[in-house]
Amino acid sequence: MKVVAFERSTQGTSASRRLRHAAKVPGIVYGGGAQPQLVELDHNALYHALQKEKFHSSILDMEV
């Protein structure tokens, strides 16, 4: 399953709140030896993906 995320440059509570008001979901991608990367996802796309049963048990392919 493919998930599209966009890079974001701001961090913190107020920046995340502004994203949520703009129908975006703030997130952080981390793992391996790479530095953590701040991302934002579209709320509607993520909401509809979460409604599908296979979303919870499949490997996600994230495009940043």
PDB file of N, CA and C in Angstrom:
ATOM      1  N   MET A   1       0.842  -1.164   0.000  1.00  0.00           N
ATOM      2  CA  MET A   1       0.000   0.000   0.000  1.00  0.00           C
ATOM      3  C   MET A   1       0.893   1.235   0.000  1.00  0.00           C
ATOM      4  N   LYS A   2       0.559   2.222  -0.800  1.00  0.00           N
ATOM      5  CA  LYS A   2       1.389   3.408  -0.963  1.00  0.00           C
ATOM      6  C   LYS A   2       0.814   4.576  -0.162  1.00  0.00           C
ATOM      7  N   VAL A   3       1.686   5.274   0.548  1.00  0.00           N
ATOM      8  CA  VAL A   3       1.319   6.459   1.318  1.00  0.00           C
ATOM      9  C   VAL A   3       2.199   7.605   0.835  1.00  0.00           C
ATOM     10  N   VAL A   4       1.584   8.749   0.541  1.00  0.00           N
ATOM     11  CA  VAL A   4       2.333   9.912   0.074  1.00  0.00           C
ATOM     12  C   VAL A   4       2.472  10.901   1.228  1.00  0.00           C
ATOM     13  N   ALA A   5       3.707  11.289   1.521  1.00  0.00           N
ATOM     14  CA  ALA A   5       3.996  12.263   2.576  1.00  0.00           C
ATOM     15  C   ALA A   5       4.835  13.388   1.982  1.00  0.00           C
ATOM     16  N   PHE A   6       4.727  14.546   2.583  1.00  0.00           N
ATOM     17  CA  PHE A   6       5.485  15.713   2.143  1.00  0.00           C
ATOM     18  C   PHE A   6       6.386  16.170   3.276  1.00  0.00           C
ATOM     19  N   GLU A   7       7.574  16.629   2.921  1.00  0.00           N
ATOM     20  CA  GLU A   7       8.519  17.121   3.913  1.00  0.00           C
ATOM     21  C   GLU A   7       8.004  18.420   4.517  1.00  0.00           C
ATOM     22  N   ARG A   8       8.265  18.618   5.801  1.00  0.00           N
ATOM     23  CA  ARG A   8       7.917  19.886   6.447  1.00  0.00           C
ATOM     24  C   ARG A   8       9.140  20.401   7.185  1.00  0.00           C
ATOM     25  N   SER A   9       9.209  21.713   7.341  1.00  0.00           N
ATOM     26  CA  SER A   9      10.403  22.305   7.947  1.00  0.00           C
ATOM     27  C   SER A   9      10.162  22.791   9.370  1.00  0.00           C
ATOM     28  N   THR A  10       8.913  23.015   9.745  1.00  0.00           N
ATOM     29  CA  THR A  10       8.628  23.535  11.081  1.00  0.00           C
ATOM     30  C   THR A  10       8.279  22.403  12.031  1.00  0.00           C
ATOM     31  N   GLN A  11       8.586  22.610  13.306  1.00  0.00           N
ATOM     32  CA  GLN A  11       8.257  21.608  14.309  1.00  0.00           C
ATOM     33  C   GLN A  11       7.716  22.304  15.545  1.00  0.00           C
ATOM     34  N   GLY A  12       7.090  21.548  16.408  1.00  0.00           N
ATOM     35  CA  GLY A  12       6.553  22.098  17.641  1.00  0.00           C
ATOM     36  C   GLY A  12       5.037  22.028  17.677  1.00  0.00           C
ATOM     37  N   THR A  13       4.488  22.345  18.840  1.00  0.00           N
ATOM     38  CA  THR A  13       3.052  22.241  19.061  1.00  0.00           C
ATOM     39  C   THR A  13       2.257  23.191  18.176  1.00  0.00           C
ATOM     40  N   SER A  14       2.659  24.444  18.107  1.00  0.00           N
ATOM     41  CA  SER A  14       1.883  25.411  17.324  1.00  0.00           C
ATOM     42  C   SER A  14       1.968  25.119  15.831  1.00  0.00           C
ATOM     43  N   ALA A  15       3.112  24.661  15.358  1.00  0.00           N
ATOM     44  CA  ALA A  15       3.246  24.307  13.944  1.00  0.00           C
ATOM     45  C   ALA A  15       2.370  23.102  13.612  1.00  0.00           C
ATOM     46  N   SER A  16       2.331  22.126  14.505  1.00  0.00           N
ATOM     47  CA  SER A  16       1.479  20.950  14.296  1.00  0.00           C
ATOM     48  C   SER A  16       0.011  21.335  14.335  1.00  0.00           C
ATOM     49  N   ARG A  17      -0.343  22.247  15.204  1.00  0.00           N
ATOM     50  CA  ARG A  17      -1.731  22.710  15.295  1.00  0.00           C
ATOM     51  C   ARG A  17      -2.154  23.403  14.000  1.00  0.00           C
ATOM     52  N   ARG A  18      -1.260  24.223  13.435  1.00  0.00           N
ATOM     53  CA  ARG A  18      -1.574  24.888  12.166  1.00  0.00           C
ATOM     54  C   ARG A  18      -1.770  23.868  11.052  1.00  0.00           C
ATOM     55  N   LEU A  19      -0.959  22.812  11.048  1.00  0.00           N
ATOM     56  CA  LEU A  19      -1.119  21.762  10.044  1.00  0.00           C
ATOM     57  C   LEU A  19      -2.470  21.075  10.188  1.00  0.00           C
ATOM     58  N   ARG A  20      -2.861  20.771  11.413  1.00  0.00           N
ATOM     59  CA  ARG A  20      -4.139  20.098  11.645  1.00  0.00           C
ATOM     60  C   ARG A  20      -5.307  20.963  11.195  1.00  0.00           C
ATOM     61  N   HIS A  21      -5.218  22.268  11.407  1.00  0.00           N
ATOM     62  CA  HIS A  21      -6.276  23.175  10.949  1.00  0.00           C
ATOM     63  C   HIS A  21      -6.326  23.248   9.429  1.00  0.00           C
ATOM     64  N   ALA A  22      -5.224  22.938   8.772  1.00  0.00           N
ATOM     65  CA  ALA A  22      -5.155  22.931   7.309  1.00  0.00           C
ATOM     66  C   ALA A  22      -5.430  21.542   6.736  1.00  0.00           C
ATOM     67  N   ALA A  23      -6.035  20.649   7.534  1.00  0.00           N
ATOM     68  CA  ALA A  23      -6.397  19.281   7.119  1.00  0.00           C
ATOM     69  C   ALA A  23      -5.170  18.439   6.772  1.00  0.00           C
ATOM     70  N   LYS A  24      -4.097  18.617   7.521  1.00  0.00           N
ATOM     71  CA  LYS A  24      -2.882  17.814   7.368  1.00  0.00           C
ATOM     72  C   LYS A  24      -2.597  17.096   8.680  1.00  0.00           C
ATOM     73  N   VAL A  25      -1.836  16.012   8.603  1.00  0.00           N
ATOM     74  CA  VAL A  25      -1.455  15.246   9.786  1.00  0.00           C
ATOM     75  C   VAL A  25       0.066  15.308   9.916  1.00  0.00           C
ATOM     76  N   PRO A  26       0.593  15.855  11.023  1.00  0.00           N
ATOM     77  CA  PRO A  26       2.039  15.902  11.209  1.00  0.00           C
ATOM     78  C   PRO A  26       2.578  14.528  11.601  1.00  0.00           C
ATOM     79  N   GLY A  27       3.818  14.250  11.199  1.00  0.00           N
ATOM     80  CA  GLY A  27       4.429  12.979  11.553  1.00  0.00           C
ATOM     81  C   GLY A  27       5.939  13.051  11.491  1.00  0.00           C
ATOM     82  N   ILE A  28       6.568  11.983  11.965  1.00  0.00           N
ATOM     83  CA  ILE A  28       8.027  11.864  11.939  1.00  0.00           C
ATOM     84  C   ILE A  28       8.370  10.476  11.425  1.00  0.00           C
ATOM     85  N   VAL A  29       9.279  10.398  10.468  1.00  0.00           N
ATOM     86  CA  VAL A  29       9.755   9.118   9.944  1.00  0.00           C
ATOM     87  C   VAL A  29      11.174   8.929  10.464  1.00  0.00           C
ATOM     88  N   TYR A  30      11.413   7.822  11.140  1.00  0.00           N
ATOM     89  CA  TYR A  30      12.748   7.549  11.666  1.00  0.00           C
ATOM     90  C   TYR A  30      13.022   6.060  11.597  1.00  0.00           C
ATOM     91  N   GLY A  31      14.289   5.720  11.684  1.00  0.00           N
ATOM     92  CA  GLY A  31      14.694   4.325  11.650  1.00  0.00           C
ATOM     93  C   GLY A  31      15.992   4.162  10.898  1.00  0.00           C
ATOM     94  N   GLY A  32      16.576   2.983  11.030  1.00  0.00           N
ATOM     95  CA  GLY A  32      17.859   2.731  10.388  1.00  0.00           C
ATOM     96  C   GLY A  32      18.908   3.659  10.963  1.00  0.00           C
ATOM     97  N   GLY A  33      19.810   4.098  10.140  1.00  0.00           N
ATOM     98  CA  GLY A  33      20.849   5.017  10.587  1.00  0.00           C
ATOM     99  C   GLY A  33      20.579   6.449  10.182  1.00  0.00           C
ATOM    100  N   ALA A  34      19.447   6.694   9.533  1.00  0.00           N
ATOM    101  CA  ALA A  34      19.137   8.030   9.026  1.00  0.00           C
ATOM    102  C   ALA A  34      18.605   8.934  10.134  1.00  0.00           C
ATOM    103  N   GLN A  35      18.736  10.217   9.918  1.00  0.00           N
ATOM    104  CA  GLN A  35      18.186  11.208  10.837  1.00  0.00           C
ATOM    105  C   GLN A  35      16.656  11.219  10.729  1.00  0.00           C
ATOM    106  N   PRO A  36      15.949  11.524  11.812  1.00  0.00           N
ATOM    107  CA  PRO A  36      14.488  11.636  11.744  1.00  0.00           C
ATOM    108  C   PRO A  36      14.079  12.725  10.755  1.00  0.00           C
ATOM    109  N   GLN A  37      12.999  12.481  10.022  1.00  0.00           N
ATOM    110  CA  GLN A  37      12.530  13.418   9.010  1.00  0.00           C
ATOM    111  C   GLN A  37      11.093  13.818   9.328  1.00  0.00           C
ATOM    112  N   LEU A  38      10.835  15.119   9.403  1.00  0.00           N
ATOM    113  CA  LEU A  38       9.495  15.628   9.660  1.00  0.00           C
ATOM    114  C   LEU A  38       8.678  15.557   8.378  1.00  0.00           C
ATOM    115  N   VAL A  39       7.467  15.019   8.472  1.00  0.00           N
ATOM    116  CA  VAL A  39       6.601  14.884   7.304  1.00  0.00           C
ATOM    117  C   VAL A  39       5.196  15.353   7.653  1.00  0.00           C
ATOM    118  N   GLU A  40       4.413  15.599   6.610  1.00  0.00           N
ATOM    119  CA  GLU A  40       2.992  15.878   6.763  1.00  0.00           C
ATOM    120  C   GLU A  40       2.232  15.023   5.761  1.00  0.00           C
ATOM    121  N   LEU A  41       1.072  14.543   6.184  1.00  0.00           N
ATOM    122  CA  LEU A  41       0.233  13.693   5.350  1.00  0.00           C
ATOM    123  C   LEU A  41      -1.125  14.356   5.183  1.00  0.00           C
ATOM    124  N   ASP A  42      -1.798  14.060   4.084  1.00  0.00           N
ATOM    125  CA  ASP A  42      -3.145  14.564   3.865  1.00  0.00           C
ATOM    126  C   ASP A  42      -4.111  13.820   4.780  1.00  0.00           C
ATOM    127  N   HIS A  43      -4.910  14.556   5.544  1.00  0.00           N
ATOM    128  CA  HIS A  43      -5.823  13.948   6.510  1.00  0.00           C
ATOM    129  C   HIS A  43      -6.838  13.034   5.838  1.00  0.00           C
ATOM    130  N   ASN A  44      -7.468  13.497   4.764  1.00  0.00           N
ATOM    131  CA  ASN A  44      -8.515  12.701   4.120  1.00  0.00           C
ATOM    132  C   ASN A  44      -7.967  11.406   3.533  1.00  0.00           C
ATOM    133  N   ALA A  45      -6.814  11.469   2.902  1.00  0.00           N
ATOM    134  CA  ALA A  45      -6.214  10.261   2.326  1.00  0.00           C
ATOM    135  C   ALA A  45      -5.857   9.263   3.425  1.00  0.00           C
ATOM    136  N   LEU A  46      -5.294   9.753   4.521  1.00  0.00           N
ATOM    137  CA  LEU A  46      -4.936   8.875   5.632  1.00  0.00           C
ATOM    138  C   LEU A  46      -6.180   8.294   6.295  1.00  0.00           C
ATOM    139  N   TYR A  47      -7.203   9.102   6.470  1.00  0.00           N
ATOM    140  CA  TYR A  47      -8.451   8.639   7.086  1.00  0.00           C
ATOM    141  C   TYR A  47      -9.077   7.510   6.274  1.00  0.00           C
ATOM    142  N   HIS A  48      -9.154   7.689   4.955  1.00  0.00           N
ATOM    143  CA  HIS A  48      -9.759   6.661   4.101  1.00  0.00           C
ATOM    144  C   HIS A  48      -8.894   5.406   4.038  1.00  0.00           C
ATOM    145  N   ALA A  49      -7.582   5.558   4.102  1.00  0.00           N
ATOM    146  CA  ALA A  49      -6.701   4.385   4.118  1.00  0.00           C
ATOM    147  C   ALA A  49      -6.876   3.604   5.414  1.00  0.00           C
ATOM    148  N   LEU A  50      -7.056   4.306   6.534  1.00  0.00           N
ATOM    149  CA  LEU A  50      -7.246   3.638   7.823  1.00  0.00           C
ATOM    150  C   LEU A  50      -8.556   2.867   7.888  1.00  0.00           C
ATOM    151  N   GLN A  51      -9.526   3.231   7.070  1.00  0.00           N
ATOM    152  CA  GLN A  51     -10.810   2.537   7.059  1.00  0.00           C
ATOM    153  C   GLN A  51     -10.716   1.167   6.387  1.00  0.00           C
ATOM    154  N   LYS A  52      -9.661   0.954   5.600  1.00  0.00           N
ATOM    155  CA  LYS A  52      -9.474  -0.324   4.913  1.00  0.00           C
ATOM    156  C   LYS A  52      -8.799  -1.317   5.850  1.00  0.00           C
ATOM    157  N   GLU A  53      -9.312  -2.523   5.873  1.00  0.00           N
ATOM    158  CA  GLU A  53      -8.795  -3.570   6.763  1.00  0.00           C
ATOM    159  C   GLU A  53      -7.330  -3.897   6.467  1.00  0.00           C
ATOM    160  N   LYS A  54      -6.972  -3.926   5.182  1.00  0.00           N
ATOM    161  CA  LYS A  54      -5.614  -4.334   4.814  1.00  0.00           C
ATOM    162  C   LYS A  54      -4.549  -3.308   5.202  1.00  0.00           C
ATOM    163  N   PHE A  55      -4.930  -2.073   5.479  1.00  0.00           N
ATOM    164  CA  PHE A  55      -3.971  -1.035   5.856  1.00  0.00           C
ATOM    165  C   PHE A  55      -3.206  -1.423   7.120  1.00  0.00           C
ATOM    166  N   HIS A  56      -3.906  -2.042   8.063  1.00  0.00           N
ATOM    167  CA  HIS A  56      -3.317  -2.344   9.364  1.00  0.00           C
ATOM    168  C   HIS A  56      -2.371  -3.539   9.342  1.00  0.00           C
ATOM    169  N   SER A  57      -2.415  -4.344   8.289  1.00  0.00           N
ATOM    170  CA  SER A  57      -1.572  -5.540   8.257  1.00  0.00           C
ATOM    171  C   SER A  57      -0.680  -5.606   7.022  1.00  0.00           C
ATOM    172  N   SER A  58      -0.501  -4.494   6.336  1.00  0.00           N
ATOM    173  CA  SER A  58       0.324  -4.521   5.134  1.00  0.00           C
ATOM    174  C   SER A  58       1.570  -3.653   5.322  1.00  0.00           C
ATOM    175  N   ILE A  59       2.550  -3.896   4.487  1.00  0.00           N
ATOM    176  CA  ILE A  59       3.773  -3.096   4.484  1.00  0.00           C
ATOM    177  C   ILE A  59       3.485  -1.837   3.682  1.00  0.00           C
ATOM    178  N   LEU A  60       3.831  -0.697   4.250  1.00  0.00           N
ATOM    179  CA  LEU A  60       3.551   0.576   3.598  1.00  0.00           C
ATOM    180  C   LEU A  60       4.757   1.037   2.795  1.00  0.00           C
ATOM    181  N   ASP A  61       4.488   1.549   1.616  1.00  0.00           N
ATOM    182  CA  ASP A  61       5.510   2.138   0.761  1.00  0.00           C
ATOM    183  C   ASP A  61       5.299   3.647   0.821  1.00  0.00           C
ATOM    184  N   MET A  62       6.183   4.357   1.533  1.00  0.00           N
ATOM    185  CA  MET A  62       5.994   5.786   1.729  1.00  0.00           C
ATOM    186  C   MET A  62       6.823   6.576   0.739  1.00  0.00           C
ATOM    187  N   GLU A  63       6.160   7.459   0.023  1.00  0.00           N
ATOM    188  CA  GLU A  63       6.825   8.351  -0.925  1.00  0.00           C
ATOM    189  C   GLU A  63       6.924   9.726  -0.281  1.00  0.00           C
ATOM    190  N   VAL A  64       8.149  10.213  -0.112  1.00  0.00           N
ATOM    191  CA  VAL A  64       8.349  11.528   0.517  1.00  0.00           C
ATOM    192  C   VAL A  64       8.818  12.498  -0.537  1.00  0.00           C
TER     193      VAL A  64
END
